[in-house]
Amino acid sequence: MTGNSKNTSFEFVKRYPTKENGKGVSNGRVWSLLRYSHTLLPLLSGALQVFSGLILVSITILGLIEPLWLSAVMSLLGSILSMAGVFLIYYTITKQGSFDGLLNQAIRRVINSQN
């Protein structure tokens, strides 16, 4: 039984990204979001929208705006502004690596059209 003819290798373990080899899963994700202007500007504007919407809602909850109808409209506007900011941040983070997917799809279409 010592001369087992089956070669059991664990190549997938060697190729698995770890933080020691610099190819970790979250190593460059945050840095790549903050490095380019096409992701930095939407993230900053989304954070500003969320912040201003929450400030507007808190002002209306505190009752600093006197007419009740105006307070309700401002609260609705602040809620919509916050939701739009959260959606903008979510959309920016999820679509950050979509260019690679588009490039791979274009290469596949070219290869398939040549066949």
PDB file of N, CA and C in Angstrom:
ATOM      1  N   MET A   1       0.792  -1.192   0.000  1.00  0.00           N
ATOM      2  CA  MET A   1       0.000   0.000   0.000  1.00  0.00           C
ATOM      3  C   MET A   1       0.841   1.266   0.000  1.00  0.00           C
ATOM      4  N   THR A   2       2.133   1.118   0.159  1.00  0.00           N
ATOM      5  CA  THR A   2       2.960   2.325   0.160  1.00  0.00           C
ATOM      6  C   THR A   2       3.193   2.849  -1.239  1.00  0.00           C
ATOM      7  N   GLY A   3       3.100   2.026  -2.251  1.00  0.00           N
ATOM      8  CA  GLY A   3       3.311   2.463  -3.628  1.00  0.00           C
ATOM      9  C   GLY A   3       1.996   2.801  -4.294  1.00  0.00           C
ATOM     10  N   ASN A   4       1.290   3.808  -3.823  1.00  0.00           N
ATOM     11  CA  ASN A   4       0.006   4.200  -4.381  1.00  0.00           C
ATOM     12  C   ASN A   4       0.216   4.834  -5.751  1.00  0.00           C
ATOM     13  N   SER A   5      -0.482   4.271  -6.763  1.00  0.00           N
ATOM     14  CA  SER A   5      -0.294   4.781  -8.119  1.00  0.00           C
ATOM     15  C   SER A   5      -1.070   6.071  -8.375  1.00  0.00           C
ATOM     16  N   LYS A   6      -2.067   6.355  -7.561  1.00  0.00           N
ATOM     17  CA  LYS A   6      -2.833   7.577  -7.739  1.00  0.00           C
ATOM     18  C   LYS A   6      -2.055   8.757  -7.172  1.00  0.00           C
ATOM     19  N   ASN A   7      -1.929   9.770  -7.979  1.00  0.00           N
ATOM     20  CA  ASN A   7      -1.226  10.964  -7.530  1.00  0.00           C
ATOM     21  C   ASN A   7      -2.270  11.966  -7.043  1.00  0.00           C
ATOM     22  N   THR A   8      -2.326  12.152  -5.756  1.00  0.00           N
ATOM     23  CA  THR A   8      -3.282  13.109  -5.196  1.00  0.00           C
ATOM     24  C   THR A   8      -2.538  14.392  -4.889  1.00  0.00           C
ATOM     25  N   SER A   9      -2.782  15.376  -5.708  1.00  0.00           N
ATOM     26  CA  SER A   9      -2.120  16.665  -5.479  1.00  0.00           C
ATOM     27  C   SER A   9      -3.157  17.698  -5.076  1.00  0.00           C
ATOM     28  N   PHE A  10      -2.700  18.662  -4.404  1.00  0.00           N
ATOM     29  CA  PHE A  10      -3.556  19.742  -3.937  1.00  0.00           C
ATOM     30  C   PHE A  10      -3.138  21.046  -4.596  1.00  0.00           C
ATOM     31  N   GLU A  11      -3.212  21.067  -5.929  1.00  0.00           N
ATOM     32  CA  GLU A  11      -2.819  22.265  -6.671  1.00  0.00           C
ATOM     33  C   GLU A  11      -3.754  23.425  -6.406  1.00  0.00           C
ATOM     34  N   PHE A  12      -5.041  23.133  -6.166  1.00  0.00           N
ATOM     35  CA  PHE A  12      -5.976  24.217  -5.929  1.00  0.00           C
ATOM     36  C   PHE A  12      -5.668  24.937  -4.622  1.00  0.00           C
ATOM     37  N   VAL A  13      -5.064  24.241  -3.668  1.00  0.00           N
ATOM     38  CA  VAL A  13      -4.688  24.873  -2.414  1.00  0.00           C
ATOM     39  C   VAL A  13      -3.528  25.838  -2.644  1.00  0.00           C
ATOM     40  N   LYS A  14      -2.615  25.473  -3.533  1.00  0.00           N
ATOM     41  CA  LYS A  14      -1.472  26.346  -3.811  1.00  0.00           C
ATOM     42  C   LYS A  14      -1.897  27.591  -4.574  1.00  0.00           C
ATOM     43  N   ARG A  15      -2.930  27.470  -5.421  1.00  0.00           N
ATOM     44  CA  ARG A  15      -3.365  28.610  -6.220  1.00  0.00           C
ATOM     45  C   ARG A  15      -4.364  29.486  -5.495  1.00  0.00           C
ATOM     46  N   TYR A  16      -4.861  29.075  -4.347  1.00  0.00           N
ATOM     47  CA  TYR A  16      -5.845  29.862  -3.617  1.00  0.00           C
ATOM     48  C   TYR A  16      -5.205  31.149  -3.124  1.00  0.00           C
ATOM     49  N   PRO A  17      -5.853  32.301  -3.370  1.00  0.00           N
ATOM     50  CA  PRO A  17      -5.229  33.566  -2.978  1.00  0.00           C
ATOM     51  C   PRO A  17      -5.179  33.735  -1.470  1.00  0.00           C
ATOM     52  N   THR A  18      -4.017  34.075  -0.995  1.00  0.00           N
ATOM     53  CA  THR A  18      -3.834  34.361   0.420  1.00  0.00           C
ATOM     54  C   THR A  18      -3.279  35.758   0.566  1.00  0.00           C
ATOM     55  N   LYS A  19      -3.264  36.238   1.767  1.00  0.00           N
ATOM     56  CA  LYS A  19      -2.778  37.591   1.994  1.00  0.00           C
ATOM     57  C   LYS A  19      -1.255  37.663   1.977  1.00  0.00           C
ATOM     58  N   GLU A  20      -0.601  36.518   2.109  1.00  0.00           N
ATOM     59  CA  GLU A  20       0.856  36.530   2.102  1.00  0.00           C
ATOM     60  C   GLU A  20       1.417  36.775   0.711  1.00  0.00           C
ATOM     61  N   ASN A  21       0.761  36.228  -0.321  1.00  0.00           N
ATOM     62  CA  ASN A  21       1.310  36.377  -1.659  1.00  0.00           C
ATOM     63  C   ASN A  21       0.830  37.638  -2.361  1.00  0.00           C
ATOM     64  N   GLY A  22       0.059  38.477  -1.691  1.00  0.00           N
ATOM     65  CA  GLY A  22      -0.341  39.749  -2.259  1.00  0.00           C
ATOM     66  C   GLY A  22      -1.522  39.680  -3.186  1.00  0.00           C
ATOM     67  N   LYS A  23      -2.154  38.538  -3.304  1.00  0.00           N
ATOM     68  CA  LYS A  23      -3.320  38.406  -4.163  1.00  0.00           C
ATOM     69  C   LYS A  23      -4.555  38.119  -3.336  1.00  0.00           C
ATOM     70  N   GLY A  24      -4.683  38.742  -2.205  1.00  0.00           N
ATOM     71  CA  GLY A  24      -5.810  38.516  -1.326  1.00  0.00           C
ATOM     72  C   GLY A  24      -7.095  39.051  -1.918  1.00  0.00           C
ATOM     73  N   VAL A  25      -8.189  38.563  -1.391  1.00  0.00           N
ATOM     74  CA  VAL A  25      -9.486  38.932  -1.930  1.00  0.00           C
ATOM     75  C   VAL A  25      -9.780  40.406  -1.686  1.00  0.00           C
ATOM     76  N   SER A  26      -9.498  40.914  -0.507  1.00  0.00           N
ATOM     77  CA  SER A  26      -9.830  42.301  -0.187  1.00  0.00           C
ATOM     78  C   SER A  26      -8.600  43.206  -0.153  1.00  0.00           C
ATOM     79  N   ASN A  27      -7.491  42.759  -0.698  1.00  0.00           N
ATOM     80  CA  ASN A  27      -6.255  43.524  -0.631  1.00  0.00           C
ATOM     81  C   ASN A  27      -6.363  44.816  -1.408  1.00  0.00           C
ATOM     82  N   GLY A  28      -6.749  44.760  -2.661  1.00  0.00           N
ATOM     83  CA  GLY A  28      -6.778  45.959  -3.465  1.00  0.00           C
ATOM     84  C   GLY A  28      -8.165  46.464  -3.789  1.00  0.00           C
ATOM     85  N   ARG A  29      -9.198  45.874  -3.202  1.00  0.00           N
ATOM     86  CA  ARG A  29     -10.576  46.256  -3.534  1.00  0.00           C
ATOM     87  C   ARG A  29     -10.876  47.687  -3.110  1.00  0.00           C
ATOM     88  N   VAL A  30     -10.562  48.042  -1.896  1.00  0.00           N
ATOM     89  CA  VAL A  30     -10.848  49.396  -1.416  1.00  0.00           C
ATOM     90  C   VAL A  30      -9.941  50.400  -2.109  1.00  0.00           C
ATOM     91  N   TRP A  31      -8.695  50.040  -2.302  1.00  0.00           N
ATOM     92  CA  TRP A  31      -7.766  50.956  -2.954  1.00  0.00           C
ATOM     93  C   TRP A  31      -8.175  51.220  -4.399  1.00  0.00           C
ATOM     94  N   SER A  32      -8.667  50.200  -5.097  1.00  0.00           N
ATOM     95  CA  SER A  32      -9.083  50.405  -6.481  1.00  0.00           C
ATOM     96  C   SER A  32     -10.347  51.247  -6.564  1.00  0.00           C
ATOM     97  N   LEU A  33     -11.185  51.214  -5.527  1.00  0.00           N
ATOM     98  CA  LEU A  33     -12.361  52.070  -5.517  1.00  0.00           C
ATOM     99  C   LEU A  33     -11.994  53.533  -5.314  1.00  0.00           C
ATOM    100  N   LEU A  34     -10.972  53.787  -4.523  1.00  0.00           N
ATOM    101  CA  LEU A  34     -10.606  55.168  -4.197  1.00  0.00           C
ATOM    102  C   LEU A  34      -9.554  55.748  -5.123  1.00  0.00           C
ATOM    103  N   ARG A  35      -8.946  54.946  -5.971  1.00  0.00           N
ATOM    104  CA  ARG A  35      -7.839  55.416  -6.791  1.00  0.00           C
ATOM    105  C   ARG A  35      -8.308  56.150  -8.043  1.00  0.00           C
ATOM    106  N   TYR A  36      -9.391  55.716  -8.654  1.00  0.00           N
ATOM    107  CA  TYR A  36      -9.802  56.273  -9.933  1.00  0.00           C
ATOM    108  C   TYR A  36     -10.954  57.254  -9.741  1.00  0.00           C
ATOM    109  N   SER A  37     -10.997  58.277 -10.593  1.00  0.00           N
ATOM    110  CA  SER A  37     -12.022  59.306 -10.451  1.00  0.00           C
ATOM    111  C   SER A  37     -13.397  58.805 -10.863  1.00  0.00           C
ATOM    112  N   HIS A  38     -13.473  57.797 -11.737  1.00  0.00           N
ATOM    113  CA  HIS A  38     -14.788  57.296 -12.140  1.00  0.00           C
ATOM    114  C   HIS A  38     -15.457  56.482 -11.043  1.00  0.00           C
ATOM    115  N   THR A  39     -14.735  56.123 -10.007  1.00  0.00           N
ATOM    116  CA  THR A  39     -15.360  55.500  -8.846  1.00  0.00           C
ATOM    117  C   THR A  39     -15.315  56.393  -7.616  1.00  0.00           C
ATOM    118  N   LEU A  40     -14.322  57.262  -7.528  1.00  0.00           N
ATOM    119  CA  LEU A  40     -14.208  58.127  -6.358  1.00  0.00           C
ATOM    120  C   LEU A  40     -15.310  59.178  -6.325  1.00  0.00           C
ATOM    121  N   LEU A  41     -15.574  59.819  -7.449  1.00  0.00           N
ATOM    122  CA  LEU A  41     -16.585  60.872  -7.480  1.00  0.00           C
ATOM    123  C   LEU A  41     -17.992  60.347  -7.183  1.00  0.00           C
ATOM    124  N   PRO A  42     -18.434  59.220  -7.758  1.00  0.00           N
ATOM    125  CA  PRO A  42     -19.756  58.705  -7.362  1.00  0.00           C
ATOM    126  C   PRO A  42     -19.826  58.279  -5.899  1.00  0.00           C
ATOM    127  N   LEU A  43     -18.738  57.737  -5.368  1.00  0.00           N
ATOM    128  CA  LEU A  43     -18.752  57.372  -3.949  1.00  0.00           C
ATOM    129  C   LEU A  43     -18.864  58.598  -3.057  1.00  0.00           C
ATOM    130  N   LEU A  44     -18.119  59.649  -3.391  1.00  0.00           N
ATOM    131  CA  LEU A  44     -18.199  60.880  -2.594  1.00  0.00           C
ATOM    132  C   LEU A  44     -19.563  61.547  -2.717  1.00  0.00           C
ATOM    133  N   SER A  45     -20.108  61.589  -3.927  1.00  0.00           N
ATOM    134  CA  SER A  45     -21.420  62.212  -4.093  1.00  0.00           C
ATOM    135  C   SER A  45     -22.514  61.385  -3.428  1.00  0.00           C
ATOM    136  N   GLY A  46     -22.398  60.058  -3.454  1.00  0.00           N
ATOM    137  CA  GLY A  46     -23.366  59.220  -2.760  1.00  0.00           C
ATOM    138  C   GLY A  46     -23.303  59.410  -1.252  1.00  0.00           C
ATOM    139  N   ALA A  47     -22.085  59.523  -0.714  1.00  0.00           N
ATOM    140  CA  ALA A  47     -21.943  59.766   0.723  1.00  0.00           C
ATOM    141  C   ALA A  47     -22.496  61.135   1.096  1.00  0.00           C
ATOM    142  N   LEU A  48     -22.278  62.128   0.242  1.00  0.00           N
ATOM    143  CA  LEU A  48     -22.817  63.465   0.494  1.00  0.00           C
ATOM    144  C   LEU A  48     -24.341  63.464   0.428  1.00  0.00           C
ATOM    145  N   GLN A  49     -24.914  62.702  -0.499  1.00  0.00           N
ATOM    146  CA  GLN A  49     -26.367  62.600  -0.577  1.00  0.00           C
ATOM    147  C   GLN A  49     -26.951  61.942   0.666  1.00  0.00           C
ATOM    148  N   VAL A  50     -26.325  60.876   1.111  1.00  0.00           N
ATOM    149  CA  VAL A  50     -26.823  60.197   2.307  1.00  0.00           C
ATOM    150  C   VAL A  50     -26.721  61.124   3.515  1.00  0.00           C
ATOM    151  N   PHE A  51     -25.599  61.817   3.648  1.00  0.00           N
ATOM    152  CA  PHE A  51     -25.403  62.717   4.785  1.00  0.00           C
ATOM    153  C   PHE A  51     -26.408  63.870   4.760  1.00  0.00           C
ATOM    154  N   SER A  52     -26.580  64.500   3.603  1.00  0.00           N
ATOM    155  CA  SER A  52     -27.509  65.633   3.535  1.00  0.00           C
ATOM    156  C   SER A  52     -28.954  65.186   3.714  1.00  0.00           C
ATOM    157  N   GLY A  53     -29.300  63.990   3.213  1.00  0.00           N
ATOM    158  CA  GLY A  53     -30.648  63.479   3.425  1.00  0.00           C
ATOM    159  C   GLY A  53     -30.933  63.184   4.879  1.00  0.00           C
ATOM    160  N   LEU A  54     -29.959  62.619   5.572  1.00  0.00           N
ATOM    161  CA  LEU A  54     -30.156  62.341   7.003  1.00  0.00           C
ATOM    162  C   LEU A  54     -30.213  63.632   7.825  1.00  0.00           C
ATOM    163  N   ILE A  55     -29.440  64.626   7.440  1.00  0.00           N
ATOM    164  CA  ILE A  55     -29.512  65.925   8.129  1.00  0.00           C
ATOM    165  C   ILE A  55     -30.883  66.552   7.920  1.00  0.00           C
ATOM    166  N   LEU A  56     -31.404  66.488   6.694  1.00  0.00           N
ATOM    167  CA  LEU A  56     -32.711  67.064   6.397  1.00  0.00           C
ATOM    168  C   LEU A  56     -33.828  66.353   7.156  1.00  0.00           C
ATOM    169  N   VAL A  57     -33.754  65.041   7.232  1.00  0.00           N
ATOM    170  CA  VAL A  57     -34.757  64.289   7.985  1.00  0.00           C
ATOM    171  C   VAL A  57     -34.659  64.597   9.474  1.00  0.00           C
ATOM    172  N   SER A  58     -33.440  64.709   9.995  1.00  0.00           N
ATOM    173  CA  SER A  58     -33.300  65.017  11.428  1.00  0.00           C
ATOM    174  C   SER A  58     -33.785  66.422  11.757  1.00  0.00           C
ATOM    175  N   ILE A  59     -33.609  67.364  10.850  1.00  0.00           N
ATOM    176  CA  ILE A  59     -34.127  68.725  11.089  1.00  0.00           C
ATOM    177  C   ILE A  59     -35.654  68.707  11.143  1.00  0.00           C
ATOM    178  N   THR A  60     -36.275  67.941  10.262  1.00  0.00           N
ATOM    179  CA  THR A  60     -37.738  67.883  10.281  1.00  0.00           C
ATOM    180  C   THR A  60     -38.266  67.116  11.485  1.00  0.00           C
ATOM    181  N   ILE A  61     -37.540  66.114  11.940  1.00  0.00           N
ATOM    182  CA  ILE A  61     -37.984  65.377  13.129  1.00  0.00           C
ATOM    183  C   ILE A  61     -37.878  66.256  14.377  1.00  0.00           C
ATOM    184  N   LEU A  62     -36.834  67.077  14.437  1.00  0.00           N
ATOM    185  CA  LEU A  62     -36.680  67.976  15.580  1.00  0.00           C
ATOM    186  C   LEU A  62     -37.719  69.099  15.592  1.00  0.00           C
ATOM    187  N   GLY A  63     -38.391  69.311  14.491  1.00  0.00           N
ATOM    188  CA  GLY A  63     -39.445  70.317  14.428  1.00  0.00           C
ATOM    189  C   GLY A  63     -38.928  71.715  14.189  1.00  0.00           C
ATOM    190  N   LEU A  64     -37.776  71.865  13.585  1.00  0.00           N
ATOM    191  CA  LEU A  64     -37.214  73.186  13.334  1.00  0.00           C
ATOM    192  C   LEU A  64     -37.878  73.876  12.142  1.00  0.00           C
ATOM    193  N   ILE A  65     -38.574  73.127  11.307  1.00  0.00           N
ATOM    194  CA  ILE A  65     -39.340  73.707  10.202  1.00  0.00           C
ATOM    195  C   ILE A  65     -40.789  73.786  10.668  1.00  0.00           C
ATOM    196  N   GLU A  66     -41.340  74.992  10.689  1.00  0.00           N
ATOM    197  CA  GLU A  66     -42.602  75.236  11.375  1.00  0.00           C
ATOM    198  C   GLU A  66     -43.853  74.729  10.647  1.00  0.00           C
ATOM    199  N   PRO A  67     -44.152  75.094   9.434  1.00  0.00           N
ATOM    200  CA  PRO A  67     -45.407  74.548   8.871  1.00  0.00           C
ATOM    201  C   PRO A  67     -45.313  73.037   8.713  1.00  0.00           C
ATOM    202  N   LEU A  68     -46.368  72.370   9.106  1.00  0.00           N
ATOM    203  CA  LEU A  68     -46.346  70.908   9.091  1.00  0.00           C
ATOM    204  C   LEU A  68     -46.253  70.350   7.677  1.00  0.00           C
ATOM    205  N   TRP A  69     -46.907  70.964   6.716  1.00  0.00           N
ATOM    206  CA  TRP A  69     -46.860  70.466   5.342  1.00  0.00           C
ATOM    207  C   TRP A  69     -45.458  70.612   4.759  1.00  0.00           C
ATOM    208  N   LEU A  70     -44.778  71.713   5.081  1.00  0.00           N
ATOM    209  CA  LEU A  70     -43.418  71.915   4.603  1.00  0.00           C
ATOM    210  C   LEU A  70     -42.455  70.930   5.267  1.00  0.00           C
ATOM    211  N   SER A  71     -42.700  70.643   6.527  1.00  0.00           N
ATOM    212  CA  SER A  71     -41.882  69.669   7.245  1.00  0.00           C
ATOM    213  C   SER A  71     -42.049  68.266   6.643  1.00  0.00           C
ATOM    214  N   ALA A  72     -43.267  67.911   6.269  1.00  0.00           N
ATOM    215  CA  ALA A  72     -43.515  66.608   5.674  1.00  0.00           C
ATOM    216  C   ALA A  72     -42.858  66.503   4.294  1.00  0.00           C
ATOM    217  N   VAL A  73     -42.926  67.569   3.512  1.00  0.00           N
ATOM    218  CA  VAL A  73     -42.304  67.560   2.187  1.00  0.00           C
ATOM    219  C   VAL A  73     -40.788  67.461   2.320  1.00  0.00           C
ATOM    220  N   MET A  74     -40.212  68.187   3.254  1.00  0.00           N
ATOM    221  CA  MET A  74     -38.759  68.133   3.463  1.00  0.00           C
ATOM    222  C   MET A  74     -38.316  66.758   3.970  1.00  0.00           C
ATOM    223  N   SER A  75     -39.130  66.144   4.814  1.00  0.00           N
ATOM    224  CA  SER A  75     -38.804  64.800   5.288  1.00  0.00           C
ATOM    225  C   SER A  75     -38.853  63.798   4.140  1.00  0.00           C
ATOM    226  N   LEU A  76     -39.831  63.921   3.271  1.00  0.00           N
ATOM    227  CA  LEU A  76     -39.923  63.052   2.107  1.00  0.00           C
ATOM    228  C   LEU A  76     -38.746  63.272   1.173  1.00  0.00           C
ATOM    229  N   LEU A  77     -38.378  64.518   0.951  1.00  0.00           N
ATOM    230  CA  LEU A  77     -37.235  64.826   0.099  1.00  0.00           C
ATOM    231  C   LEU A  77     -35.931  64.275   0.682  1.00  0.00           C
ATOM    232  N   GLY A  78     -35.752  64.391   1.987  1.00  0.00           N
ATOM    233  CA  GLY A  78     -34.558  63.849   2.640  1.00  0.00           C
ATOM    234  C   GLY A  78     -34.489  62.335   2.560  1.00  0.00           C
ATOM    235  N   SER A  79     -35.629  61.678   2.671  1.00  0.00           N
ATOM    236  CA  SER A  79     -35.650  60.213   2.565  1.00  0.00           C
ATOM    237  C   SER A  79     -35.292  59.763   1.158  1.00  0.00           C
ATOM    238  N   ILE A  80     -35.843  60.431   0.158  1.00  0.00           N
ATOM    239  CA  ILE A  80     -35.533  60.084  -1.229  1.00  0.00           C
ATOM    240  C   ILE A  80     -34.064  60.346  -1.533  1.00  0.00           C
ATOM    241  N   LEU A  81     -33.545  61.453  -1.005  1.00  0.00           N
ATOM    242  CA  LEU A  81     -32.139  61.791  -1.220  1.00  0.00           C
ATOM    243  C   LEU A  81     -31.216  60.741  -0.592  1.00  0.00           C
ATOM    244  N   SER A  82     -31.553  60.274   0.593  1.00  0.00           N
ATOM    245  CA  SER A  82     -30.736  59.238   1.247  1.00  0.00           C
ATOM    246  C   SER A  82     -30.782  57.919   0.491  1.00  0.00           C
ATOM    247  N   MET A  83     -31.972  57.543   0.033  1.00  0.00           N
ATOM    248  CA  MET A  83     -32.084  56.292  -0.718  1.00  0.00           C
ATOM    249  C   MET A  83     -31.325  56.369  -2.041  1.00  0.00           C
ATOM    250  N   ALA A  84     -31.369  57.513  -2.697  1.00  0.00           N
ATOM    251  CA  ALA A  84     -30.629  57.663  -3.953  1.00  0.00           C
ATOM    252  C   ALA A  84     -29.129  57.600  -3.708  1.00  0.00           C
ATOM    253  N   GLY A  85     -28.659  58.154  -2.590  1.00  0.00           N
ATOM    254  CA  GLY A  85     -27.241  58.083  -2.258  1.00  0.00           C
ATOM    255  C   GLY A  85     -26.782  56.669  -1.965  1.00  0.00           C
ATOM    256  N   VAL A  86     -27.583  55.912  -1.243  1.00  0.00           N
ATOM    257  CA  VAL A  86     -27.236  54.511  -0.955  1.00  0.00           C
ATOM    258  C   VAL A  86     -27.216  53.698  -2.248  1.00  0.00           C
ATOM    259  N   PHE A  87     -28.183  53.950  -3.136  1.00  0.00           N
ATOM    260  CA  PHE A  87     -28.202  53.236  -4.415  1.00  0.00           C
ATOM    261  C   PHE A  87     -26.990  53.598  -5.261  1.00  0.00           C
ATOM    262  N   LEU A  88     -26.584  54.859  -5.257  1.00  0.00           N
ATOM    263  CA  LEU A  88     -25.416  55.272  -6.025  1.00  0.00           C
ATOM    264  C   LEU A  88     -24.143  54.610  -5.513  1.00  0.00           C
ATOM    265  N   ILE A  89     -24.003  54.525  -4.204  1.00  0.00           N
ATOM    266  CA  ILE A  89     -22.836  53.846  -3.629  1.00  0.00           C
ATOM    267  C   ILE A  89     -22.859  52.360  -3.980  1.00  0.00           C
ATOM    268  N   TYR A  90     -24.016  51.726  -3.849  1.00  0.00           N
ATOM    269  CA  TYR A  90     -24.143  50.305  -4.182  1.00  0.00           C
ATOM    270  C   TYR A  90     -23.828  50.054  -5.652  1.00  0.00           C
ATOM    271  N   TYR A  91     -24.370  50.873  -6.526  1.00  0.00           N
ATOM    272  CA  TYR A  91     -24.161  50.703  -7.963  1.00  0.00           C
ATOM    273  C   TYR A  91     -22.692  50.897  -8.327  1.00  0.00           C
ATOM    274  N   THR A  92     -22.035  51.853  -7.701  1.00  0.00           N
ATOM    275  CA  THR A  92     -20.616  52.104  -7.984  1.00  0.00           C
ATOM    276  C   THR A  92     -19.752  50.939  -7.539  1.00  0.00           C
ATOM    277  N   ILE A  93     -20.035  50.390  -6.369  1.00  0.00           N
ATOM    278  CA  ILE A  93     -19.223  49.284  -5.853  1.00  0.00           C
ATOM    279  C   ILE A  93     -19.437  48.018  -6.676  1.00  0.00           C
ATOM    280  N   THR A  94     -20.680  47.738  -7.060  1.00  0.00           N
ATOM    281  CA  THR A  94     -20.929  46.493  -7.797  1.00  0.00           C
ATOM    282  C   THR A  94     -20.465  46.566  -9.238  1.00  0.00           C
ATOM    283  N   LYS A  95     -20.457  47.726  -9.845  1.00  0.00           N
ATOM    284  CA  LYS A  95     -20.058  47.853 -11.243  1.00  0.00           C
ATOM    285  C   LYS A  95     -18.596  48.236 -11.401  1.00  0.00           C
ATOM    286  N   GLN A  96     -17.817  48.155 -10.347  1.00  0.00           N
ATOM    287  CA  GLN A  96     -16.417  48.561 -10.391  1.00  0.00           C
ATOM    288  C   GLN A  96     -15.602  47.684 -11.308  1.00  0.00           C
ATOM    289  N   GLY A  97     -15.835  46.387 -11.339  1.00  0.00           N
ATOM    290  CA  GLY A  97     -15.039  45.490 -12.162  1.00  0.00           C
ATOM    291  C   GLY A  97     -15.759  45.022 -13.406  1.00  0.00           C
ATOM    292  N   SER A  98     -16.796  45.728 -13.842  1.00  0.00           N
ATOM    293  CA  SER A  98     -17.594  45.258 -14.966  1.00  0.00           C
ATOM    294  C   SER A  98     -16.896  45.457 -16.301  1.00  0.00           C
ATOM    295  N   PHE A  99     -15.876  46.311 -16.384  1.00  0.00           N
ATOM    296  CA  PHE A  99     -15.181  46.507 -17.650  1.00  0.00           C
ATOM    297  C   PHE A  99     -14.457  45.238 -18.065  1.00  0.00           C
ATOM    298  N   ASP A 100     -13.897  44.524 -17.102  1.00  0.00           N
ATOM    299  CA  ASP A 100     -13.241  43.261 -17.425  1.00  0.00           C
ATOM    300  C   ASP A 100     -14.230  42.268 -17.994  1.00  0.00           C
ATOM    301  N   GLY A 101     -15.428  42.233 -17.451  1.00  0.00           N
ATOM    302  CA  GLY A 101     -16.445  41.334 -17.969  1.00  0.00           C
ATOM    303  C   GLY A 101     -16.840  41.699 -19.389  1.00  0.00           C
ATOM    304  N   LEU A 102     -16.958  42.995 -19.675  1.00  0.00           N
ATOM    305  CA  LEU A 102     -17.292  43.422 -21.031  1.00  0.00           C
ATOM    306  C   LEU A 102     -16.183  43.083 -22.009  1.00  0.00           C
ATOM    307  N   LEU A 103     -14.955  43.244 -21.569  1.00  0.00           N
ATOM    308  CA  LEU A 103     -13.823  42.916 -22.431  1.00  0.00           C
ATOM    309  C   LEU A 103     -13.779  41.424 -22.723  1.00  0.00           C
ATOM    310  N   ASN A 104     -14.010  40.612 -21.721  1.00  0.00           N
ATOM    311  CA  ASN A 104     -14.024  39.165 -21.930  1.00  0.00           C
ATOM    312  C   ASN A 104     -15.170  38.747 -22.855  1.00  0.00           C
ATOM    313  N   GLN A 105     -16.317  39.398 -22.724  1.00  0.00           N
ATOM    314  CA  GLN A 105     -17.444  39.084 -23.603  1.00  0.00           C
ATOM    315  C   GLN A 105     -17.130  39.457 -25.047  1.00  0.00           C
ATOM    316  N   ALA A 106     -16.464  40.585 -25.241  1.00  0.00           N
ATOM    317  CA  ALA A 106     -16.108  41.001 -26.603  1.00  0.00           C
ATOM    318  C   ALA A 106     -15.108  40.031 -27.223  1.00  0.00           C
ATOM    319  N   ILE A 107     -14.170  39.566 -26.441  1.00  0.00           N
ATOM    320  CA  ILE A 107     -13.198  38.593 -26.951  1.00  0.00           C
ATOM    321  C   ILE A 107     -13.897  37.295 -27.323  1.00  0.00           C
ATOM    322  N   ARG A 108     -14.844  36.846 -26.504  1.00  0.00           N
ATOM    323  CA  ARG A 108     -15.587  35.630 -26.819  1.00  0.00           C
ATOM    324  C   ARG A 108     -16.400  35.789 -28.100  1.00  0.00           C
ATOM    325  N   ARG A 109     -17.019  36.956 -28.299  1.00  0.00           N
ATOM    326  CA  ARG A 109     -17.788  37.177 -29.524  1.00  0.00           C
ATOM    327  C   ARG A 109     -16.883  37.148 -30.748  1.00  0.00           C
ATOM    328  N   VAL A 110     -15.700  37.717 -30.655  1.00  0.00           N
ATOM    329  CA  VAL A 110     -14.765  37.708 -31.784  1.00  0.00           C
ATOM    330  C   VAL A 110     -14.315  36.290 -32.099  1.00  0.00           C
ATOM    331  N   ILE A 111     -14.007  35.531 -31.073  1.00  0.00           N
ATOM    332  CA  ILE A 111     -13.568  34.147 -31.284  1.00  0.00           C
ATOM    333  C   ILE A 111     -14.695  33.315 -31.872  1.00  0.00           C
ATOM    334  N   ASN A 112     -15.910  33.507 -31.384  1.00  0.00           N
ATOM    335  CA  ASN A 112     -17.036  32.745 -31.922  1.00  0.00           C
ATOM    336  C   ASN A 112     -17.367  33.129 -33.352  1.00  0.00           C
ATOM    337  N   SER A 113     -17.184  34.395 -33.716  1.00  0.00           N
ATOM    338  CA  SER A 113     -17.470  34.804 -35.090  1.00  0.00           C
ATOM    339  C   SER A 113     -16.411  34.294 -36.046  1.00  0.00           C
ATOM    340  N   GLN A 114     -15.199  34.046 -35.571  1.00  0.00           N
ATOM    341  CA  GLN A 114     -14.153  33.509 -36.421  1.00  0.00           C
ATOM    342  C   GLN A 114     -14.363  32.027 -36.684  1.00  0.00           C
ATOM    343  N   ASN A 115     -15.025  31.336 -35.789  1.00  0.00           N
ATOM    344  CA  ASN A 115     -15.241  29.876 -35.957  1.00  0.00           C
ATOM    345  C   ASN A 115     -16.300  29.589 -36.920  1.00  0.00           C
TER     346      ASN A 115
END
